[in-house]
């Protein structure tokens, strides 16, 4: 059975951090835009890019949720500062 394109393989696990994922994604985009990849590798790069994009979106969503929890009633806008 073929692997889902959103499932990272053992040879290409997801990066440990958001920043590493963005760097890898930027490199893939550069290669794809420069037409440096044969068609077979282009498809593999596209699938990897899709995995990285999903990873980055999930990380950002998780951080947004954490910030919302911190903001709920705990942080108040500063008023009168510098006025």
Protein backbone atom coordinates (compact mmCIF):
# COMPACT_ATOMS: atom_id res chain seq x y z
CA UNK A 1 0.00 0.00 0.00
CA UNK A 2 1.50 3.41 -0.92
CA UNK A 3 2.27 5.86 1.84
CA UNK A 4 0.15 8.94 2.26
CA UNK A 5 1.99 12.01 1.08
CA UNK A 6 1.36 13.70 4.41
CA UNK A 7 3.19 10.96 6.31
CA UNK A 8 6.93 11.54 6.75
CA UNK A 9 9.11 8.58 5.86
CA UNK A 10 11.86 7.09 8.00
CA UNK A 11 14.45 8.46 5.56
CA UNK A 12 12.97 11.97 5.80
CA UNK A 13 11.56 12.58 9.28
CA UNK A 14 10.12 15.98 10.07
CA UNK A 15 12.55 18.57 11.43
CA UNK A 16 12.74 19.16 15.15
CA UNK A 17 11.90 22.86 14.94
CA UNK A 18 9.74 25.26 12.96
CA UNK A 19 12.82 27.18 11.87
CA UNK A 20 14.50 24.09 10.41
CA UNK A 21 11.32 23.20 8.56
CA UNK A 22 11.10 26.69 7.05
CA UNK A 23 14.75 26.52 5.93
CA UNK A 24 14.19 23.15 4.26
CA UNK A 25 10.97 24.37 2.66
CA UNK A 26 12.69 27.50 1.30
CA UNK A 27 15.46 25.34 -0.18
CA UNK A 28 12.92 23.06 -1.87
CA UNK A 29 11.06 26.04 -3.33
CA UNK A 30 14.31 27.49 -4.69
CA UNK A 31 15.17 24.19 -6.37
CA UNK A 32 11.69 23.81 -7.81
CA UNK A 33 11.57 27.38 -9.11
CA UNK A 34 15.02 27.05 -10.68
CA UNK A 35 13.91 23.91 -12.54
CA UNK A 36 16.90 22.05 -11.11
CA UNK A 37 14.99 18.84 -10.46
CA UNK A 38 14.00 16.06 -12.84
CA UNK A 39 10.26 15.34 -12.97
CA UNK A 40 10.48 12.34 -10.59
CA UNK A 41 12.37 14.36 -8.01
CA UNK A 42 10.04 17.30 -8.51
CA UNK A 43 7.12 15.18 -7.36
CA UNK A 44 9.07 13.97 -4.31
CA UNK A 45 10.03 17.57 -3.49
CA UNK A 46 6.41 18.67 -3.81
CA UNK A 47 5.27 15.92 -1.43
CA UNK A 48 8.03 16.83 1.06
CA UNK A 49 7.08 20.48 0.80
CA UNK A 50 3.49 19.57 1.58
CA UNK A 51 4.63 17.69 4.70
CA UNK A 52 6.78 20.63 5.81
CA UNK A 53 3.99 23.13 5.20
CA UNK A 54 1.56 21.05 7.28
CA UNK A 55 4.19 20.77 10.05
CA UNK A 56 4.73 24.55 10.07
CA UNK A 57 1.00 25.31 10.09
CA UNK A 58 0.47 22.89 12.98
CA UNK A 59 3.31 24.49 14.97
CA UNK A 60 1.93 27.99 14.39
CA UNK A 61 -1.58 26.91 15.31
CA UNK A 62 -0.32 25.33 18.52
CA UNK A 63 1.54 28.51 19.46
CA UNK A 64 -1.51 30.65 18.70
CA UNK A 65 -3.59 28.45 21.01
CA UNK A 66 -1.00 28.83 23.78
CA UNK A 67 -0.97 32.62 23.36
CA UNK A 68 -4.77 32.76 23.48
CA UNK A 69 -4.74 30.80 26.74
CA UNK A 70 -2.20 33.23 28.19
CA UNK A 71 -4.21 36.23 27.03
CA UNK A 72 -7.51 35.08 28.54
CA UNK A 73 -7.99 37.62 31.30
CA UNK A 74 -4.36 37.63 32.36
CA UNK A 75 -2.92 40.34 30.16
CA UNK A 76 -4.45 43.78 30.09
CA UNK A 77 -3.55 46.51 27.62
CA UNK A 78 -1.32 49.21 29.06
CA UNK A 79 -3.09 52.55 29.36
CA UNK A 80 -1.62 55.88 30.24
CA UNK A 81 1.94 54.75 29.48
CA UNK A 82 3.90 57.43 27.68
CA UNK A 83 0.94 59.80 27.48
